[in-house]
C-alpha atoms as a PDB file:
ATOM      1  CA  UNK A   1      55.305 -34.679  76.176  1.00  0.00           C
ATOM      2  CA  UNK A   2      56.328 -32.715  79.121  1.00  0.00           C
ATOM      3  CA  UNK A   3      53.768 -30.248  81.154  1.00  0.00           C
ATOM      4  CA  UNK A   4      54.221 -26.609  81.782  1.00  0.00           C
ATOM      5  CA  UNK A   5      55.625 -25.351  84.310  1.00  0.00           C
ATOM      6  CA  UNK A   6      52.511 -22.828  84.527  1.00  0.00           C
ATOM      7  CA  UNK A   7      49.451 -23.304  86.063  1.00  0.00           C
ATOM      8  CA  UNK A   8      45.776 -21.914  85.398  1.00  0.00           C
ATOM      9  CA  UNK A   9      46.230 -19.757  88.289  1.00  0.00           C
ATOM     10  CA  UNK A  10      49.495 -18.523  88.010  1.00  0.00           C
ATOM     11  CA  UNK A  11      49.163 -17.408  83.988  1.00  0.00           C
ATOM     12  CA  UNK A  12      45.296 -15.548  84.946  1.00  0.00           C
ATOM     13  CA  UNK A  13      47.041 -13.896  87.962  1.00  0.00           C
ATOM     14  CA  UNK A  14      50.013 -12.257  85.478  1.00  0.00           C
ATOM     15  CA  UNK A  15      46.961 -11.499  82.921  1.00  0.00           C
ATOM     16  CA  UNK A  16      45.617  -9.274  85.400  1.00  0.00           C
ATOM     17  CA  UNK A  17      48.864  -8.280  86.275  1.00  0.00           C
ATOM     18  CA  UNK A  18      49.383  -7.421  82.491  1.00  0.00           C
ATOM     19  CA  UNK A  19      45.880  -5.843  81.667  1.00  0.00           C
ATOM     20  CA  UNK A  20      46.869  -3.542  85.586  1.00  0.00           C
ATOM     21  CA  UNK A  21      49.546  -1.997  83.748  1.00  0.00           C
ATOM     22  CA  UNK A  22      47.958  -1.778  80.702  1.00  0.00           C
ATOM     23  CA  UNK A  23      44.891   0.536  81.717  1.00  0.00           C
ATOM     24  CA  UNK A  24      47.183   2.832  84.258  1.00  0.00           C
ATOM     25  CA  UNK A  25      48.985   3.605  81.530  1.00  0.00           C
ATOM     26  CA  UNK A  26      45.836   4.404  79.787  1.00  0.00           C
ATOM     27  CA  UNK A  27      44.703   6.595  82.334  1.00  0.00           C
ATOM     28  CA  UNK A  28      48.227   8.432  82.258  1.00  0.00           C
ATOM     29  CA  UNK A  29      48.424   9.198  78.966  1.00  0.00           C
ATOM     30  CA  UNK A  30      44.582  10.284  79.410  1.00  0.00           C
ATOM     31  CA  UNK A  31      45.988  12.596  81.923  1.00  0.00           C
ATOM     32  CA  UNK A  32      48.632  14.356  79.252  1.00  0.00           C
ATOM     33  CA  UNK A  33      46.297  14.608  76.919  1.00  0.00           C
ATOM     34  CA  UNK A  34      44.085  16.398  79.209  1.00  0.00           C
ATOM     35  CA  UNK A  35      46.160  18.623  80.660  1.00  0.00           C
ATOM     36  CA  UNK A  36      48.249  19.504  77.270  1.00  0.00           C
ATOM     37  CA  UNK A  37      44.361  20.448  75.863  1.00  0.00           C
ATOM     38  CA  UNK A  38      43.693  23.026  78.699  1.00  0.00           C
ATOM     39  CA  UNK A  39      47.109  24.789  78.065  1.00  0.00           C
ATOM     40  CA  UNK A  40      49.035  23.254  80.301  1.00  0.00           C
ATOM     41  CA  UNK A  41      47.805  24.306  83.601  1.00  0.00           C
ATOM     42  CA  UNK A  42      46.533  21.410  85.014  1.00  0.00           C
ATOM     43  CA  UNK A  43      48.344  22.459  88.220  1.00  0.00           C
ATOM     44  CA  UNK A  44      46.834  23.176  91.476  1.00  0.00           C
ATOM     45  CA  UNK A  45      44.346  26.686  91.934  1.00  0.00           C
ATOM     46  CA  UNK A  46      46.059  29.096  93.980  1.00  0.00           C
ATOM     47  CA  UNK A  47      43.483  30.054  97.054  1.00  0.00           C
ATOM     48  CA  UNK A  48      43.729  33.173  98.980  1.00  0.00           C
ATOM     49  CA  UNK A  49      42.403  33.760 102.687  1.00  0.00           C
ATOM     50  CA  UNK A  50      40.479  37.505 102.975  1.00  0.00           C
ATOM     51  CA  UNK A  51      40.296  39.348 106.216  1.00  0.00           C
ATOM     52  CA  UNK A  52      37.117  37.055 107.932  1.00  0.00           C
ATOM     53  CA  UNK A  53      40.160  34.207 107.483  1.00  0.00           C
ATOM     54  CA  UNK A  54      37.655  32.940 104.777  1.00  0.00           C
ATOM     55  CA  UNK A  55      39.166  31.009 101.739  1.00  0.00           C
ATOM     56  CA  UNK A  56      38.512  32.377  98.063  1.00  0.00           C
ATOM     57  CA  UNK A  57      40.153  32.783  94.566  1.00  0.00           C
ATOM     58  CA  UNK A  58      40.600  36.436  94.408  1.00  0.00           C
ATOM     59  CA  UNK A  59      43.891  38.093  95.611  1.00  0.00           C
ATOM     60  CA  UNK A  60      43.562  40.581  98.705  1.00  0.00           C
ATOM     61  CA  UNK A  61      43.419  44.345  97.979  1.00  0.00           C
ATOM     62  CA  UNK A  62      47.027  45.085  99.370  1.00  0.00           C
ATOM     63  CA  UNK A  63      45.391  48.978 100.450  1.00  0.00           C
ATOM     64  CA  UNK A  64      43.531  47.324 103.352  1.00  0.00           C
ATOM     65  CA  UNK A  65      46.473  45.556 104.177  1.00  0.00           C
ATOM     66  CA  UNK A  66      47.245  46.172 108.050  1.00  0.00           C
ATOM     67  CA  UNK A  67      50.845  45.993 109.586  1.00  0.00           C
ATOM     68  CA  UNK A  68      51.807  44.233 112.876  1.00  0.00           C
ATOM     69  CA  UNK A  69      54.863  45.213 114.338  1.00  0.00           C
ATOM     70  CA  UNK A  70      56.660  42.030 115.514  1.00  0.00           C
ATOM     71  CA  UNK A  71      57.625  43.374 119.295  1.00  0.00           C
ATOM     72  CA  UNK A  72      53.978  43.621 119.341  1.00  0.00           C
ATOM     73  CA  UNK A  73      52.614  40.096 119.041  1.00  0.00           C
ATOM     74  CA  UNK A  74      52.931  37.668 122.379  1.00  0.00           C
ATOM     75  CA  UNK A  75      53.267  34.475 122.734  1.00  0.00           C
ATOM     76  CA  UNK A  76      53.672  33.780 125.964  1.00  0.00           C
ATOM     77  CA  UNK A  77      51.670  34.708 129.101  1.00  0.00           C
ATOM     78  CA  UNK A  78      52.203  38.459 129.607  1.00  0.00           C
ATOM     79  CA  UNK A  79      53.837  39.431 132.879  1.00  0.00           C
ATOM     80  CA  UNK A  80      52.011  40.262 135.556  1.00  0.00           C
ATOM     81  CA  UNK A  81      52.786  43.580 137.765  1.00  0.00           C
ATOM     82  CA  UNK A  82      53.311  43.602 141.273  1.00  0.00           C
ATOM     83  CA  UNK A  83      49.834  44.588 142.154  1.00  0.00           C
ATOM     84  CA  UNK A  84      48.267  43.329 140.257  1.00  0.00           C
ATOM     85  CA  UNK A  85      49.433  39.699 141.424  1.00  0.00           C
ATOM     86  CA  UNK A  86      46.568  37.861 143.834  1.00  0.00           C
ATOM     87  CA  UNK A  87      47.930  36.114 147.133  1.00  0.00           C
ATOM     88  CA  UNK A  88      46.945  32.970 147.538  1.00  0.00           C
ATOM     89  CA  UNK A  89      46.603  31.269 150.915  1.00  0.00           C
ATOM     90  CA  UNK A  90      47.771  27.357 151.176  1.00  0.00           C
ATOM     91  CA  UNK A  91      46.104  26.807 154.031  1.00  0.00           C
ATOM     92  CA  UNK A  92      42.694  25.720 154.320  1.00  0.00           C
ATOM     93  CA  UNK A  93      40.041  25.290 156.916  1.00  0.00           C
ATOM     94  CA  UNK A  94      37.143  22.094 157.334  1.00  0.00           C
ATOM     95  CA  UNK A  95      35.731  19.576 159.470  1.00  0.00           C
ATOM     96  CA  UNK A  96      36.380  15.954 159.747  1.00  0.00           C
ATOM     97  CA  UNK A  97      33.807  13.293 158.121  1.00  0.00           C
ATOM     98  CA  UNK A  98      35.098  10.470 159.099  1.00  0.00           C
ATOM     99  CA  UNK A  99      38.262   8.854 160.610  1.00  0.00           C
ATOM    100  CA  UNK A 100      39.352   5.548 161.508  1.00  0.00           C
ATOM    101  CA  UNK A 101      42.274   5.415 163.778  1.00  0.00           C
ATOM    102  CA  UNK A 102      42.800   2.224 163.291  1.00  0.00           C
ATOM    103  CA  UNK A 103      42.772   2.361 159.955  1.00  0.00           C
ATOM    104  CA  UNK A 104      44.918   5.195 159.818  1.00  0.00           C
ATOM    105  CA  UNK A 105      43.029   7.118 157.660  1.00  0.00           C
ATOM    106  CA  UNK A 106      40.173   9.868 157.043  1.00  0.00           C
ATOM    107  CA  UNK A 107      37.791  12.487 155.035  1.00  0.00           C
ATOM    108  CA  UNK A 108      37.933  16.108 155.818  1.00  0.00           C
ATOM    109  CA  UNK A 109      35.334  18.134 154.318  1.00  0.00           C
ATOM    110  CA  UNK A 110      36.685  21.445 152.953  1.00  0.00           C
ATOM    111  CA  UNK A 111      34.269  25.122 154.568  1.00  0.00           C
ATOM    112  CA  UNK A 112      34.854  26.686 151.236  1.00  0.00           C
ATOM    113  CA  UNK A 113      33.414  24.849 148.304  1.00  0.00           C
ATOM    114  CA  UNK A 114      32.597  21.210 150.662  1.00  0.00           C
ATOM    115  CA  UNK A 115      34.504  19.305 149.086  1.00  0.00           C
ATOM    116  CA  UNK A 116      35.882  15.789 150.501  1.00  0.00           C
ATOM    117  CA  UNK A 117      39.209  15.079 151.051  1.00  0.00           C
ATOM    118  CA  UNK A 118      40.725  11.837 151.818  1.00  0.00           C
ATOM    119  CA  UNK A 119      43.707  11.976 155.058  1.00  0.00           C
ATOM    120  CA  UNK A 120      46.277   9.731 155.997  1.00  0.00           C
ATOM    121  CA  UNK A 121      47.505   9.576 159.330  1.00  0.00           C
ATOM    122  CA  UNK A 122      51.533  10.514 158.111  1.00  0.00           C
ATOM    123  CA  UNK A 123      49.820  13.622 156.942  1.00  0.00           C
ATOM    124  CA  UNK A 124      48.567  14.425 160.636  1.00  0.00           C
ATOM    125  CA  UNK A 125      50.629  16.910 162.782  1.00  0.00           C
ATOM    126  CA  UNK A 126      47.772  17.136 166.018  1.00  0.00           C
ATOM    127  CA  UNK A 127      46.036  13.846 167.011  1.00  0.00           C
ATOM    128  CA  UNK A 128      42.040  14.149 165.098  1.00  0.00           C
ATOM    129  CA  UNK A 129      38.726  12.952 165.833  1.00  0.00           C
ATOM    130  CA  UNK A 130      35.586  12.661 164.172  1.00  0.00           C
ATOM    131  CA  UNK A 131      33.593  16.122 163.952  1.00  0.00           C
ATOM    132  CA  UNK A 132      36.884  18.340 164.767  1.00  0.00           C
ATOM    133  CA  UNK A 133      38.087  21.771 163.162  1.00  0.00           C
ATOM    134  CA  UNK A 134      41.151  21.685 161.583  1.00  0.00           C
ATOM    135  CA  UNK A 135      43.391  23.736 159.118  1.00  0.00           C
ATOM    136  CA  UNK A 136      45.478  21.995 155.921  1.00  0.00           C
ATOM    137  CA  UNK A 137      46.885  21.831 153.111  1.00  0.00           C
ATOM    138  CA  UNK A 138      46.264  20.271 149.402  1.00  0.00           C
ATOM    139  CA  UNK A 139      48.725  17.962 147.976  1.00  0.00           C
ATOM    140  CA  UNK A 140      48.496  16.143 144.523  1.00  0.00           C
ATOM    141  CA  UNK A 141      47.748  12.640 145.662  1.00  0.00           C
ATOM    142  CA  UNK A 142      47.811   9.336 143.580  1.00  0.00           C
ATOM    143  CA  UNK A 143      43.976   9.323 143.686  1.00  0.00           C
ATOM    144  CA  UNK A 144      43.395  13.141 143.649  1.00  0.00           C
ATOM    145  CA  UNK A 145      43.824  15.794 146.269  1.00  0.00           C
ATOM    146  CA  UNK A 146      44.882  14.879 149.654  1.00  0.00           C
ATOM    147  CA  UNK A 147      44.569  16.710 152.734  1.00  0.00           C
ATOM    148  CA  UNK A 148      48.157  17.537 154.444  1.00  0.00           C
ATOM    149  CA  UNK A 149      49.888  19.654 157.475  1.00  0.00           C
ATOM    150  CA  UNK A 150      46.174  18.434 159.244  1.00  0.00           C
ATOM    151  CA  UNK A 151      46.228  20.324 162.554  1.00  0.00           C
ATOM    152  CA  UNK A 152      43.521  21.164 164.948  1.00  0.00           C
ATOM    153  CA  UNK A 153      42.039  24.607 165.301  1.00  0.00           C
END
């Protein structure tokens, strides 16, 4: 007589799968029965937002409703008037803290905020040395702001 092709492990897995399916069917029937017992209102309850932005279960009073014109809603930055515009001078003044002419770089300390800015020889207009007073502009570099267009004062 030939042996069964189904091993013990396979038959156990099959039993578990069938039991899982049966449990799922029972849960679904229980949910249906509960829904019918509650009058069929098993949906999502409605939530309202009051005037303070809190969720409530009562609808808001229509007498307190505020009408807003669509034209009054601003989505972007408000336009600046010519008188409100602040002039920005990109030229800054500072002092050369360190400069190595053989390596071609150095650092400049800004007078306004005492920030240290990197300066490369390619951004120089005049030759500079340590403790020179200079004026410069800032430009975004790979590792932060760099001083460019550096001139002696």
